[in-house]
Protein backbone atom coordinates (compact mmCIF):
# COMPACT_ATOMS: atom_id res chain seq x y z
CA MET A 1 99.86 11.90 93.18
CA GLN A 2 99.68 8.11 92.82
CA SER A 3 103.38 7.33 92.32
CA ILE A 4 106.80 8.93 92.49
CA ARG A 5 110.21 8.05 91.06
CA ILE A 6 113.32 9.18 92.88
CA SER A 7 117.09 8.87 92.82
CA ALA A 8 118.87 8.19 96.13
CA PRO A 9 122.66 8.64 96.28
CA ALA A 10 125.30 6.45 97.86
CA THR A 11 126.83 7.87 101.01
CA SER A 12 129.98 7.52 103.05
CA ALA A 13 129.76 7.70 106.84
CA ASN A 14 132.31 8.49 109.56
CA LEU A 15 135.12 9.99 107.40
CA GLY A 16 137.60 8.91 110.04
CA SER A 17 136.81 10.33 113.47
CA GLY A 18 133.13 11.15 112.87
CA PHE A 19 131.67 7.77 113.90
CA ASP A 20 127.85 7.95 113.82
CA ILE A 21 128.15 11.74 113.39
CA CYS A 22 129.41 12.65 109.90
CA GLY A 23 128.33 11.61 106.43
CA LEU A 24 128.89 12.63 102.83
CA ALA A 25 126.62 12.19 99.80
CA LEU A 26 128.37 10.76 96.73
CA ALA A 27 127.62 11.47 93.09
CA ASN A 28 128.01 7.84 92.03
CA PRO A 29 126.48 5.29 92.37
CA SER A 30 122.81 5.94 93.16
CA ASP A 31 119.64 3.87 93.42
CA GLU A 32 116.42 4.57 91.58
CA MET A 33 113.10 3.82 93.26
CA GLU A 34 109.46 3.98 92.28
CA VAL A 35 106.86 4.09 95.05
CA SER A 36 103.19 3.72 94.08
CA ILE A 37 99.88 3.55 95.93
CA SER A 38 98.64 0.01 95.34
CA ASP A 39 96.15 -2.64 96.38
CA ALA A 40 98.75 -4.55 98.40
CA ASP A 41 102.16 -3.91 99.94
CA ALA A 42 105.01 -5.20 97.81
CA VAL A 43 108.73 -4.71 97.31
CA ARG A 44 110.12 -5.55 93.89
CA SER A 45 113.77 -5.91 92.92
CA ALA A 46 114.59 -4.47 89.51
CA GLY A 47 118.28 -3.67 89.53
CA ARG A 48 121.69 -5.24 89.25
CA TYR A 49 121.62 -6.19 92.93
CA ALA A 50 118.73 -8.07 94.47
CA VAL A 51 116.95 -6.70 97.53
CA PRO A 52 114.76 -8.46 100.11
CA GLU A 53 111.23 -8.53 98.77
CA GLU A 54 109.53 -8.87 102.15
CA LEU A 55 108.88 -5.64 104.02
CA GLU A 56 110.17 -7.12 107.27
CA GLY A 57 113.56 -7.86 105.75
CA ASN A 58 113.95 -4.66 103.76
CA SER A 59 115.07 -1.35 105.26
CA CYS A 60 111.91 0.19 103.76
CA GLY A 61 109.77 -1.88 106.14
CA PRO A 62 110.28 -0.10 109.49
CA VAL A 63 109.97 3.28 107.74
CA ILE A 64 106.61 2.39 106.20
CA LYS A 65 105.34 0.88 109.44
CA ALA A 66 106.24 3.92 111.55
CA MET A 67 104.96 6.54 109.10
CA ARG A 68 101.77 4.58 108.52
CA LYS A 69 101.10 4.51 112.26
CA ASP A 70 102.04 8.14 112.97
CA PHE A 71 100.13 9.69 110.07
CA GLY A 72 97.15 7.35 109.78
CA ILE A 73 98.09 6.12 106.32
CA ARG A 74 95.89 3.21 105.26
CA GLU A 75 96.91 2.84 101.63
CA CYS A 76 99.21 0.03 100.56
CA LEU A 77 102.46 0.72 98.75
CA GLU A 78 104.32 -1.00 95.94
CA ILE A 79 108.03 -0.21 95.95
CA THR A 80 110.29 -1.05 93.03
CA ILE A 81 114.01 -0.67 93.74
CA ASP A 82 116.59 -0.44 90.98
CA LYS A 83 119.47 -1.27 93.33
CA ARG A 84 122.77 0.08 91.99
CA ILE A 85 124.53 0.61 95.33
CA ARG A 86 125.99 -2.75 96.20
CA PRO A 87 124.54 -4.13 99.44
CA GLY A 88 127.16 -4.69 102.12
CA SER A 89 129.61 -2.31 100.44
CA GLY A 90 129.78 0.37 103.13
CA LEU A 91 128.22 2.90 100.75
CA GLY A 92 124.83 3.29 102.41
CA SER A 93 122.85 0.80 100.33
CA SER A 94 120.27 0.12 103.05
CA ALA A 95 120.17 3.83 103.90
CA ALA A 96 119.28 4.73 100.32
CA SER A 97 116.27 2.40 100.39
CA ALA A 98 115.11 3.65 103.79
CA ALA A 99 115.62 7.30 102.91
CA GLY A 100 113.92 6.82 99.56
CA ALA A 101 110.89 5.32 101.29
CA ALA A 102 110.61 8.18 103.81
CA TYR A 103 111.02 10.85 101.13
CA SER A 104 108.51 9.19 98.79
CA ILE A 105 105.83 8.70 101.45
CA ASP A 106 106.18 12.33 102.48
CA ARG A 107 105.67 13.47 98.88
CA LEU A 108 102.91 10.97 98.02
CA PHE A 109 100.73 11.92 100.98
CA GLY A 110 101.63 15.61 101.21
CA LEU A 111 102.93 15.35 104.78
CA GLY A 112 105.24 18.35 104.50
CA LEU A 113 107.85 16.92 106.86
CA GLY A 114 111.02 18.83 107.69
CA ALA A 115 114.51 17.53 107.06
CA GLU A 116 115.08 16.22 110.58
CA GLN A 117 111.72 14.44 110.57
CA LEU A 118 112.56 12.69 107.31
CA VAL A 119 115.98 11.70 108.66
CA HIS A 120 114.36 10.33 111.82
CA TYR A 121 111.94 8.08 109.95
CA ALA A 122 114.62 6.94 107.50
CA SER A 123 116.95 6.05 110.38
CA LEU A 124 114.44 3.48 111.62
CA GLY A 125 115.13 1.40 108.53
CA GLU A 126 118.77 1.00 109.56
CA LYS A 127 117.64 -1.38 112.32
CA VAL A 128 117.40 -4.04 109.61
CA SER A 129 121.13 -4.00 108.82
CA ALA A 130 122.70 -2.55 111.96
CA GLY A 131 120.38 -3.64 114.74
CA VAL A 132 119.93 -0.03 115.86
CA PRO A 133 118.70 3.12 114.09
CA HIS A 134 121.47 5.50 113.07
CA VAL A 135 121.43 8.64 110.96
CA ASP A 136 124.94 9.13 109.59
CA ASN A 137 124.07 7.65 106.16
CA VAL A 138 120.42 8.62 105.80
CA ALA A 139 121.12 12.28 106.64
CA PRO A 140 123.44 12.99 103.67
CA CYS A 141 121.30 10.77 101.43
CA ILE A 142 118.30 13.01 102.08
CA LEU A 143 120.04 16.38 102.39
CA GLY A 144 123.08 16.02 100.15
CA GLY A 145 126.51 17.47 100.86
CA PHE A 146 128.35 16.94 104.16
CA THR A 147 126.18 16.41 107.22
CA VAL A 148 126.92 16.48 110.94
CA VAL A 149 124.66 15.18 113.69
CA VAL A 150 124.73 17.97 116.28
CA GLY A 151 121.87 16.74 118.47
CA MET A 152 119.93 13.52 119.05
CA ASN A 153 117.07 14.41 121.40
CA PRO A 154 115.75 16.31 119.62
CA LEU A 155 117.48 15.30 116.40
CA ARG A 156 119.40 18.18 114.82
CA ILE A 157 121.44 17.96 111.61
CA LYS A 158 123.91 20.54 110.30
CA ARG A 159 124.34 20.46 106.52
CA ILE A 160 127.45 21.90 104.90
CA GLN A 161 127.70 22.49 101.17
CA ALA A 162 130.58 20.42 99.84
CA SER A 163 133.14 22.36 97.83
CA ASP A 164 133.20 21.88 94.06
CA ALA A 165 136.95 21.39 94.45
CA LEU A 166 136.45 18.24 96.54
CA GLU A 167 137.10 14.98 94.74
CA ALA A 168 135.91 11.62 96.03
CA ILE A 169 137.41 8.28 94.98
CA ILE A 170 136.03 4.95 96.16
CA VAL A 171 138.05 1.76 96.37
CA LEU A 172 135.58 -1.13 96.47
CA PRO A 173 136.88 -4.67 97.01
CA GLU A 174 134.67 -7.36 95.52
CA HIS A 175 134.67 -9.36 98.75
CA GLY A 176 131.81 -8.73 101.12
CA LYS A 177 131.99 -7.63 104.72
CA ALA A 178 130.79 -8.68 108.09
CA SER A 179 127.38 -7.29 108.97
CA THR A 180 127.19 -3.74 110.29
CA LYS A 181 126.03 -5.24 113.57
CA THR A 182 129.20 -7.36 113.76
CA ALA A 183 131.36 -4.37 112.84
CA ARG A 184 129.86 -2.51 115.80
CA GLU A 185 130.38 -5.38 118.18
CA VAL A 186 134.19 -5.27 117.78
CA LEU A 187 134.39 -1.66 118.99
CA PRO A 188 135.99 -1.01 122.38
CA GLY A 189 133.78 -0.32 125.38
CA THR A 190 136.17 2.32 126.72
CA VAL A 191 138.86 4.52 125.16
CA SER A 192 141.82 6.40 126.53
CA ARG A 193 141.72 10.12 127.16
CA GLU A 194 144.54 10.61 124.65
CA ASP A 195 142.70 8.78 121.86
CA SER A 196 139.46 10.60 122.66
CA GLN A 197 141.18 13.98 122.51
CA TYR A 198 142.96 13.07 119.28
CA ASN A 199 139.69 12.08 117.61
CA LEU A 200 137.97 15.26 118.82
CA ARG A 201 140.76 17.35 117.28
CA CYS A 202 140.42 15.48 113.99
CA LEU A 203 136.64 15.84 113.99
CA SER A 204 136.81 19.57 114.77
CA SER A 205 139.38 20.08 112.02
CA LEU A 206 137.29 18.09 109.53
CA ILE A 207 134.17 20.17 110.16
CA CYS A 208 136.05 23.49 110.08
CA SER A 209 137.84 22.51 106.87
CA MET A 210 134.55 21.54 105.21
CA LEU A 211 133.07 24.90 106.22
CA ASP A 212 136.11 26.75 104.86
CA GLY A 213 136.39 24.71 101.66
CA ASP A 214 139.94 23.78 102.70
CA MET A 215 140.65 20.59 100.77
CA GLU A 216 144.09 20.07 102.28
CA GLY A 217 142.57 20.48 105.74
CA VAL A 218 139.87 17.91 104.95
CA ALA A 219 142.47 15.38 103.80
CA ALA A 220 144.68 15.92 106.86
CA ALA A 221 141.74 15.57 109.26
CA MET A 222 140.60 12.14 108.04
CA ASP A 223 142.10 10.03 110.80
CA ASP A 224 140.85 7.89 113.66
CA ARG A 225 142.44 6.15 116.65
CA ILE A 226 139.34 4.36 117.93
CA VAL A 227 136.93 2.76 115.45
CA GLU A 228 139.08 1.96 112.42
CA PRO A 229 141.97 0.44 114.43
CA ALA A 230 139.52 -1.87 116.23
CA ARG A 231 138.03 -3.01 112.94
CA GLU A 232 141.48 -3.46 111.41
CA ARG A 233 142.52 -5.67 114.33
CA ALA A 234 139.38 -7.75 113.75
CA GLY A 235 140.37 -8.24 110.10
CA LEU A 236 137.39 -6.26 108.75
CA LEU A 237 139.35 -3.59 106.85
CA PRO A 238 142.15 -5.22 104.81
CA HIS A 239 144.42 -2.83 102.87
CA LEU A 240 143.15 0.26 104.72
CA HIS A 241 146.54 0.96 106.28
CA GLU A 242 148.41 0.65 102.98
CA ILE A 243 145.87 2.76 101.06
CA ARG A 244 146.00 5.43 103.77
CA ASP A 245 149.78 5.62 103.50
CA ALA A 246 149.60 5.90 99.71
CA GLY A 247 146.84 8.49 99.83
CA ARG A 248 148.68 10.74 102.23
CA ARG A 249 151.76 10.77 100.03
CA PHE A 250 149.61 12.09 97.18
CA GLY A 251 147.61 14.58 99.26
CA TYR A 252 144.42 12.54 99.81
CA GLY A 253 142.66 11.78 103.06
CA VAL A 254 141.65 8.14 103.46
CA ALA A 255 139.04 6.48 105.64
CA ALA A 256 136.89 3.39 105.68
CA SER A 257 133.47 4.16 104.23
CA GLY A 258 131.21 3.31 107.15
CA ALA A 259 132.04 -0.23 108.25
CA GLY A 260 133.70 -0.99 104.90
CA PRO A 261 134.85 -2.78 102.88
CA ALA A 262 134.72 0.33 100.64
CA ILE A 263 137.46 2.87 101.29
CA LEU A 264 136.95 6.58 100.64
CA LEU A 265 139.65 8.97 99.43
CA LEU A 266 139.09 12.73 99.48
CA GLY A 267 141.35 15.37 97.99
CA ARG A 268 141.57 18.37 95.74
CA LYS A 269 140.08 17.85 92.30
CA GLY A 270 142.51 17.96 89.41
CA SER A 271 145.52 16.55 91.21
CA GLY A 272 148.21 15.85 88.66
CA GLU A 273 149.36 12.78 90.59
CA LYS A 274 145.99 11.07 90.80
CA GLU A 275 146.84 8.43 88.20
CA SER A 276 150.02 7.50 90.04
CA LEU A 277 148.03 7.07 93.23
CA LEU A 278 145.42 4.86 91.54
CA SER A 279 148.14 2.74 89.98
CA GLU A 280 149.76 2.23 93.38
CA ILE A 281 146.42 1.24 94.92
CA ASP A 282 145.82 -1.26 92.11
CA GLY A 283 149.12 -2.90 92.99
CA LEU A 284 148.00 -3.53 96.58
CA PHE A 285 145.21 -5.89 95.56
CA LYS A 286 145.45 -9.49 94.51
CA GLU A 287 141.68 -9.90 94.72
CA GLU A 288 139.08 -8.29 92.45
CA HIS A 289 138.24 -4.67 93.18
CA LYS A 290 136.84 -1.54 91.60
CA ILE A 291 138.02 2.05 91.72
CA ILE A 292 135.13 4.49 91.29
CA ALA A 293 135.68 8.16 90.50
CA SER A 294 132.60 9.35 92.30
CA GLY A 295 132.65 13.01 93.15
CA VAL A 296 130.39 14.55 95.79
CA SER A 297 126.64 15.22 95.52
CA ASN A 298 125.14 18.33 97.07
CA ARG A 299 121.63 17.40 95.94
CA GLY A 300 120.75 14.31 97.93
CA ILE A 301 117.50 12.53 97.06
CA MET A 302 115.71 14.06 94.11
CA PRO A 303 112.58 13.24 92.10
CA LEU A 304 113.07 11.88 88.57
CA ASP A 305 109.68 12.87 87.14
């Protein structure tokens, strides 16, 4: 095999209380990538959104460097990225590139890596945007469905098949966001016992509801008293409070998608009041924004050829 084309889905991390633990693969949007063995390393931008074309500045770079070292890979790689997940949106744009690189290298060189190994290498690419490796976006991008980080040393990921009845809606303001690194810097160094216990209850309920296919339980569990309030106070998540209030009235759970600015709504598919909810959300914005009916992807990264 000399080249491979893949599709890498957008993802939403945290889902309220699951900071750095939970993630969900989305059906729309997704990036397309082509990775080829070449005479020289190169990254090419071919999509609606431009990507850094130097390996050092692209989330592919640390992935390639680490895998090349660990597996004795000497060949150069040309990577063409059709970037459809808007960078800085909170929808795992950098994770899609990093995960796509790890998956493609594994397939190109017949490494036969397991899921956790792929997630580990992909997480290294997140250093570019976040300053530290983290797995909550790359895990669902690679595995699909709903993922939970249940261990870090060694890395262990639990994948849960998302129910076909689960509907995902993304509210995406056109304004950008502070860097993921900045969004992490505003988080509190300590939290109260009450807030910690509340978040643990929400996280436990979220995981159990995903396992049971309980859409109402999923919606009710999407809450957080630690991360999102800190980012709201720092002005990083405008409209989150109002959208959460509106979503709850119509039976949808609402959370910032990662560090934002995208906001994720989850609820039961086929709700008769969905249009009323979307109309109310539209009325909250004076600035440009998009509402994306996404759905959930249980497939994760997949080859296109």
